[in-house]
Amino acid sequence: MQETSPGPPLAVGIDVGGTKTHLRAATADTAVADLVRPSTGWRPHDPAAAARWLAALVADALPAGVRPAAVAVGGHACETPRQCAGIRAALEQRLGVPARVVGDAELLVPAAGLDRGVGLVAGTGSVAVGTLPDGVPVQVGGWGAVLGDEGGAAGLVREAARAVLAAHDRGEAPDALARGLVEAFSVAEVPALGDALEAASDVSAEWGRHSPVVFAAAGAGSFLAAAVIADAGRALAALVGRLAVRGVVVDDVVVAGGTVLAQPPLYTAFTDALARSVPSARPRPLRVPPVEGALTLARALL
């Protein structure tokens, strides 16, 4: 068991994303560590392995002899309260300090300085989270590129390929979207796109990295690409709507993710659809790194 260092208590916040992990450590008024590294090796479905991975990350990030007083983690693919509780218990046992573990999307609301609201992420994938009045967390979406993740980068590419293949079946000539996908996946013609997508070893990453093709095609006048983006915006708004139906207060929707915030057409499609489907909801783009939410949660444990 580790003991905390003498002096001001040190809070450690960790945002474990699908591709990269961000750790920040600080006392009440002093930054101590800020580390970004790949999320390689993160195994959220094995609590003991996840705790070992997190403890090693903390040890690597902090100066020699410095120990945390509290740790909070937002973990990618930490999808249920039971799963998060298992990692928390294993981490507390390993570090000997209070810990809190939540899904990574649950970092957005505290990162925005709010006590409640919805966190909506549309990066490689997509997910939305909120809490019921009794504090129980609720997650919708986030089911991966094959089954869901509409509005995320990988989902956009999947739906773009479907649209292009359907147009081919209708006998339409390849448009800017079809030509862009054929080039991106290094195939000779549209019918080969299906095999190219199925051959991906890491579906989310390999599909998702081609999402700029969809936006470029829309900018070049592709009606198919524009429709894919509009549908993606409606799908993201529908995540918020599902939370509202389940009793989550959705007045504030904190939005993050490299896809939705980096692509104005998608963000506009989302906000327009949200205004129609959940008019009381206020979208708020997150302007600070989500790890700030983890640091806020860690400080609340002190």
Protein backbone atom coordinates (compact mmCIF):
# COMPACT_ATOMS: atom_id res chain seq x y z
CA MET A 1 0.00 0.00 0.00
CA GLN A 2 1.30 3.46 -0.92
CA GLU A 3 1.17 6.41 1.43
CA THR A 4 0.35 9.90 0.29
CA SER A 5 3.15 12.46 0.34
CA PRO A 6 3.32 15.04 3.12
CA GLY A 7 2.28 18.54 2.14
CA PRO A 8 -0.77 19.74 0.19
CA PRO A 9 -2.98 16.84 -0.92
CA LEU A 10 -2.47 15.90 -4.54
CA ALA A 11 -5.46 15.13 -6.78
CA VAL A 12 -4.94 13.04 -9.92
CA GLY A 13 -7.40 13.04 -12.80
CA ILE A 14 -7.15 10.59 -15.69
CA ASP A 15 -9.08 10.58 -18.97
CA VAL A 16 -8.61 7.23 -20.70
CA GLY A 17 -9.84 7.69 -24.23
CA GLY A 18 -10.13 5.20 -27.04
CA THR A 19 -6.79 6.22 -28.56
CA LYS A 20 -5.01 8.41 -26.02
CA THR A 21 -4.90 8.90 -22.26
CA HIS A 22 -4.48 12.25 -20.49
CA LEU A 23 -3.39 12.52 -16.84
CA ARG A 24 -3.26 15.73 -14.83
CA ALA A 25 -2.17 16.03 -11.21
CA ALA A 26 -2.40 19.14 -9.07
CA THR A 27 -2.70 20.43 -5.55
CA ALA A 28 -5.23 23.16 -4.82
CA ASP A 29 -3.01 25.76 -6.48
CA THR A 30 -0.07 24.01 -8.17
CA ALA A 31 0.15 21.81 -11.25
CA VAL A 32 2.38 18.79 -10.63
CA ALA A 33 2.05 16.62 -13.76
CA ASP A 34 0.48 16.67 -17.21
CA LEU A 35 0.99 13.55 -19.33
CA VAL A 36 -0.53 12.33 -22.59
CA ARG A 37 0.22 8.86 -23.92
CA PRO A 38 -1.48 6.17 -26.05
CA SER A 39 -4.21 4.08 -24.43
CA THR A 40 -2.50 0.89 -25.56
CA GLY A 41 -2.99 -1.86 -23.00
CA TRP A 42 -6.15 -0.44 -21.42
CA ARG A 43 -8.38 -3.42 -20.51
CA PRO A 44 -11.53 -2.07 -18.81
CA HIS A 45 -13.27 -5.45 -18.67
CA ASP A 46 -10.52 -6.85 -16.42
CA PRO A 47 -10.61 -4.80 -13.19
CA ALA A 48 -7.27 -6.07 -11.87
CA ALA A 49 -5.50 -5.41 -15.18
CA ALA A 50 -7.12 -1.96 -15.47
CA ALA A 51 -6.02 -1.07 -11.94
CA ARG A 52 -2.45 -2.19 -12.63
CA TRP A 53 -2.40 -0.15 -15.83
CA LEU A 54 -3.71 2.98 -14.04
CA ALA A 55 -1.33 2.58 -11.11
CA ALA A 56 1.63 2.26 -13.48
CA LEU A 57 0.48 5.39 -15.30
CA VAL A 58 0.30 7.34 -12.03
CA ALA A 59 3.76 6.14 -11.01
CA ASP A 60 5.22 7.15 -14.37
CA ALA A 61 3.59 10.58 -14.34
CA LEU A 62 4.37 11.76 -10.81
CA PRO A 63 7.79 12.89 -9.59
CA ALA A 64 9.78 10.39 -7.54
CA GLY A 65 8.46 10.07 -4.00
CA VAL A 66 5.21 11.91 -4.74
CA ARG A 67 1.97 10.04 -4.08
CA PRO A 68 -1.65 10.99 -4.82
CA ALA A 69 -4.24 11.69 -2.15
CA ALA A 70 -7.16 10.90 -4.49
CA VAL A 71 -7.58 9.61 -8.04
CA ALA A 72 -10.51 9.92 -10.44
CA VAL A 73 -10.70 8.16 -13.78
CA GLY A 74 -12.93 8.52 -16.80
CA GLY A 75 -12.48 5.24 -18.67
CA HIS A 76 -13.25 4.47 -22.29
CA ALA A 77 -15.50 1.39 -22.58
CA CYS A 78 -16.32 1.51 -18.86
CA GLU A 79 -19.99 1.05 -19.63
CA THR A 80 -21.83 0.06 -16.46
CA PRO A 81 -21.75 1.13 -12.79
CA ARG A 82 -20.82 -2.44 -11.82
CA GLN A 83 -17.84 -2.46 -14.18
CA CYS A 84 -16.62 0.94 -12.98
CA ALA A 85 -17.05 -0.10 -9.34
CA GLY A 86 -14.86 -3.14 -9.93
CA ILE A 87 -12.03 -1.04 -11.32
CA ARG A 88 -12.44 1.49 -8.48
CA ALA A 89 -12.16 -1.19 -5.80
CA ALA A 90 -9.07 -2.72 -7.42
CA LEU A 91 -7.46 0.71 -7.84
CA GLU A 92 -8.15 1.74 -4.23
CA GLN A 93 -6.61 -1.51 -3.02
CA ARG A 94 -3.53 -0.96 -5.16
CA LEU A 95 -2.97 2.74 -4.40
CA GLY A 96 -4.40 2.92 -0.90
CA VAL A 97 -6.25 6.18 -1.57
CA PRO A 98 -9.86 7.10 -2.40
CA ALA A 99 -10.71 6.65 -6.07
CA ARG A 100 -13.64 7.17 -8.39
CA VAL A 101 -14.08 5.55 -11.79
CA VAL A 102 -16.71 6.58 -14.35
CA GLY A 103 -17.18 6.32 -18.10
CA ASP A 104 -15.08 8.82 -20.02
CA ALA A 105 -18.14 10.74 -21.25
CA GLU A 106 -19.08 11.42 -17.60
CA LEU A 107 -16.11 13.77 -17.37
CA LEU A 108 -17.67 16.37 -19.66
CA VAL A 109 -20.25 17.87 -17.31
CA PRO A 110 -17.80 18.49 -14.43
CA ALA A 111 -15.18 19.69 -16.93
CA ALA A 112 -17.67 22.35 -18.02
CA GLY A 113 -18.12 23.44 -14.40
CA LEU A 114 -21.66 22.04 -14.15
CA ASP A 115 -23.23 19.87 -11.46
CA ARG A 116 -25.58 18.08 -13.81
CA GLY A 117 -26.36 17.77 -17.49
CA VAL A 118 -25.62 15.53 -20.43
CA GLY A 119 -22.19 14.66 -21.76
CA LEU A 120 -22.21 13.92 -25.50
CA VAL A 121 -19.10 12.63 -27.25
CA ALA A 122 -18.74 12.25 -31.00
CA GLY A 123 -15.17 11.37 -31.81
CA THR A 124 -14.25 8.03 -33.34
CA GLY A 125 -17.46 6.72 -31.78
CA SER A 126 -20.45 8.38 -30.13
CA VAL A 127 -22.11 8.13 -26.73
CA ALA A 128 -24.23 10.25 -24.39
CA VAL A 129 -24.46 10.05 -20.61
CA GLY A 130 -26.49 11.73 -17.88
CA THR A 131 -27.85 11.02 -14.41
CA LEU A 132 -31.31 10.37 -13.06
CA PRO A 133 -32.62 12.57 -10.23
CA ASP A 134 -31.43 9.95 -7.72
CA GLY A 135 -27.89 10.15 -9.10
CA VAL A 136 -27.89 6.87 -11.04
CA PRO A 137 -25.89 7.26 -14.27
CA VAL A 138 -27.50 6.44 -17.62
CA GLN A 139 -25.59 5.81 -20.84
CA VAL A 140 -27.02 5.55 -24.34
CA GLY A 141 -25.17 4.72 -27.54
CA GLY A 142 -21.53 3.79 -27.66
CA TRP A 143 -22.09 0.36 -29.17
CA GLY A 144 -19.15 0.35 -31.56
CA ALA A 145 -18.72 0.98 -35.27
CA VAL A 146 -20.37 -2.24 -36.42
CA LEU A 147 -23.60 -1.88 -34.41
CA GLY A 148 -23.88 1.84 -33.67
CA ASP A 149 -21.75 4.93 -33.02
CA GLU A 150 -23.90 6.98 -35.40
CA GLY A 151 -22.46 10.47 -35.68
CA GLY A 152 -18.95 9.35 -34.79
CA ALA A 153 -16.20 9.17 -37.38
CA ALA A 154 -16.45 5.42 -37.93
CA GLY A 155 -20.24 5.51 -38.10
CA LEU A 156 -20.11 8.29 -40.68
CA VAL A 157 -17.85 6.22 -42.92
CA ARG A 158 -20.04 3.13 -42.51
CA GLU A 159 -23.16 5.07 -43.48
CA ALA A 160 -21.34 6.81 -46.35
CA ALA A 161 -20.32 3.43 -47.76
CA ARG A 162 -23.91 2.19 -47.44
CA ALA A 163 -25.16 5.28 -49.29
CA VAL A 164 -22.61 4.87 -52.07
CA LEU A 165 -23.36 1.18 -52.52
CA ALA A 166 -27.11 1.88 -52.61
CA ALA A 167 -26.53 4.54 -55.28
CA HIS A 168 -24.51 2.02 -57.27
CA ASP A 169 -27.41 -0.44 -57.03
CA ARG A 170 -29.68 2.27 -58.43
CA GLY A 171 -27.37 2.62 -61.41
CA GLU A 172 -26.09 6.07 -60.50
CA ALA A 173 -22.66 7.23 -61.60
CA PRO A 174 -20.07 7.61 -58.80
CA ASP A 175 -20.23 11.08 -57.24
CA ALA A 176 -17.64 12.91 -55.13
CA LEU A 177 -18.39 10.72 -52.09
CA ALA A 178 -18.02 7.48 -54.04
CA ARG A 179 -14.80 8.63 -55.66
CA GLY A 180 -13.41 9.78 -52.32
CA LEU A 181 -14.13 6.48 -50.59
CA VAL A 182 -12.74 4.43 -53.46
CA GLU A 183 -9.50 6.41 -53.23
CA ALA A 184 -9.38 6.37 -49.43
CA PHE A 185 -9.76 2.59 -49.22
CA SER A 186 -7.42 2.00 -52.17
CA VAL A 187 -9.88 -0.03 -54.22
CA ALA A 188 -10.55 0.05 -57.94
CA GLU A 189 -14.30 0.62 -57.94
CA VAL A 190 -17.36 1.06 -55.76
CA PRO A 191 -18.38 -2.64 -55.47
CA ALA A 192 -15.03 -3.37 -53.79
CA LEU A 193 -15.79 -1.05 -50.85
CA GLY A 194 -17.71 -3.71 -48.93
CA ASP A 195 -14.78 -6.10 -48.83
CA ALA A 196 -12.40 -3.27 -47.96
CA LEU A 197 -14.45 -2.24 -44.94
CA GLU A 198 -14.88 -5.83 -43.78
CA ALA A 199 -11.12 -6.43 -44.02
CA ALA A 200 -10.30 -3.80 -41.39
CA SER A 201 -8.51 -5.31 -38.39
CA ASP A 202 -9.38 -2.36 -36.13
CA VAL A 203 -12.78 -1.33 -37.45
CA SER A 204 -13.30 1.87 -35.48
CA ALA A 205 -9.84 3.29 -36.11
CA GLU A 206 -9.49 2.21 -39.73
CA TRP A 207 -12.96 3.33 -40.76
CA GLY A 208 -12.89 6.48 -38.65
CA ARG A 209 -9.71 7.91 -40.11
CA HIS A 210 -11.45 8.25 -43.47
CA SER A 211 -14.28 10.45 -42.13
CA PRO A 212 -12.81 13.67 -43.61
CA VAL A 213 -13.70 12.20 -47.01
CA VAL A 214 -17.40 12.56 -46.16
CA PHE A 215 -17.10 16.24 -45.31
CA ALA A 216 -14.89 16.98 -48.32
CA ALA A 217 -17.42 15.32 -50.59
CA ALA A 218 -20.26 17.36 -49.09
CA GLY A 219 -18.22 20.50 -49.70
CA ALA A 220 -17.78 19.39 -53.31
CA GLY A 221 -21.53 19.13 -53.76
CA SER A 222 -22.29 15.48 -53.01
CA PHE A 223 -25.94 15.17 -52.05
CA LEU A 224 -25.21 11.70 -50.67
CA ALA A 225 -22.54 13.05 -48.31
CA ALA A 226 -24.78 15.92 -47.21
CA ALA A 227 -27.55 13.45 -46.39
CA VAL A 228 -25.14 11.24 -44.41
CA ILE A 229 -24.06 14.25 -42.33
CA ALA A 230 -27.65 15.37 -41.75
CA ASP A 231 -28.61 11.86 -40.62
CA ALA A 232 -25.60 11.78 -38.28
CA GLY A 233 -26.67 15.05 -36.68
CA ARG A 234 -30.16 13.68 -36.12
CA ALA A 235 -28.70 10.51 -34.61
CA LEU A 236 -26.65 12.49 -32.10
CA ALA A 237 -29.70 14.55 -31.13
CA ALA A 238 -31.63 11.30 -30.73
CA LEU A 239 -29.16 10.19 -28.05
CA VAL A 240 -30.12 13.23 -26.00
CA GLY A 241 -33.78 12.51 -26.65
CA ARG A 242 -33.40 8.96 -25.32
CA LEU A 243 -31.90 10.28 -22.11
CA ALA A 244 -34.76 12.77 -21.72
CA VAL A 245 -37.34 10.00 -22.15
CA ARG A 246 -35.63 8.02 -19.39
CA GLY A 247 -35.90 10.94 -16.95
CA VAL A 248 -32.48 12.56 -17.27
CA VAL A 249 -32.41 16.36 -17.02
CA VAL A 250 -31.07 17.45 -20.40
CA ASP A 251 -31.13 21.24 -20.11
CA ASP A 252 -27.35 21.47 -20.66
CA VAL A 253 -25.64 19.23 -23.22
CA VAL A 254 -21.86 19.42 -23.04
CA VAL A 255 -20.44 18.39 -26.41
CA ALA A 256 -16.94 17.02 -27.01
CA GLY A 257 -15.12 14.87 -29.54
CA GLY A 258 -12.74 15.47 -32.39
CA THR A 259 -15.36 14.76 -35.04
CA VAL A 260 -18.33 16.87 -34.01
CA LEU A 261 -16.29 19.87 -32.81
CA ALA A 262 -13.86 19.83 -35.73
CA GLN A 263 -16.56 19.61 -38.42
CA PRO A 264 -18.99 22.57 -38.38
CA PRO A 265 -21.47 20.90 -40.78
CA LEU A 266 -21.95 18.03 -38.34
CA TYR A 267 -22.20 20.30 -35.30
CA THR A 268 -24.78 22.44 -37.09
CA ALA A 269 -26.75 19.36 -38.16
CA PHE A 270 -26.74 18.19 -34.53
CA THR A 271 -27.80 21.51 -33.01
CA ASP A 272 -30.54 22.02 -35.61
CA ALA A 273 -31.91 18.54 -34.93
CA LEU A 274 -31.64 19.04 -31.16
CA ALA A 275 -33.59 22.30 -31.36
CA ARG A 276 -36.41 20.46 -33.11
CA SER A 277 -36.46 17.30 -31.00
CA VAL A 278 -35.49 18.56 -27.53
CA PRO A 279 -36.08 22.34 -27.61
CA SER A 280 -35.22 22.83 -23.93
CA ALA A 281 -31.68 21.46 -24.38
CA ARG A 282 -28.78 23.92 -24.64
CA PRO A 283 -25.71 22.58 -26.48
CA ARG A 284 -22.38 23.71 -24.98
CA PRO A 285 -19.14 22.87 -26.80
CA LEU A 286 -16.48 21.85 -24.28
CA ARG A 287 -13.58 24.31 -24.42
CA VAL A 288 -11.22 22.57 -21.98
CA PRO A 289 -9.74 19.05 -22.04
CA PRO A 290 -12.07 16.42 -20.52
CA VAL A 291 -9.32 15.52 -18.03
CA GLU A 292 -10.31 18.68 -16.17
CA GLY A 293 -13.52 16.86 -15.27
CA ALA A 294 -11.51 13.98 -13.82
CA LEU A 295 -9.45 16.42 -11.79
CA THR A 296 -12.66 18.01 -10.47
CA LEU A 297 -13.96 14.59 -9.41
CA ALA A 298 -10.66 13.74 -7.71
CA ARG A 299 -10.66 16.98 -5.77
CA ALA A 300 -14.17 16.21 -4.52
CA LEU A 301 -12.74 13.08 -2.85
CA LEU A 302 -10.23 15.04 -0.77
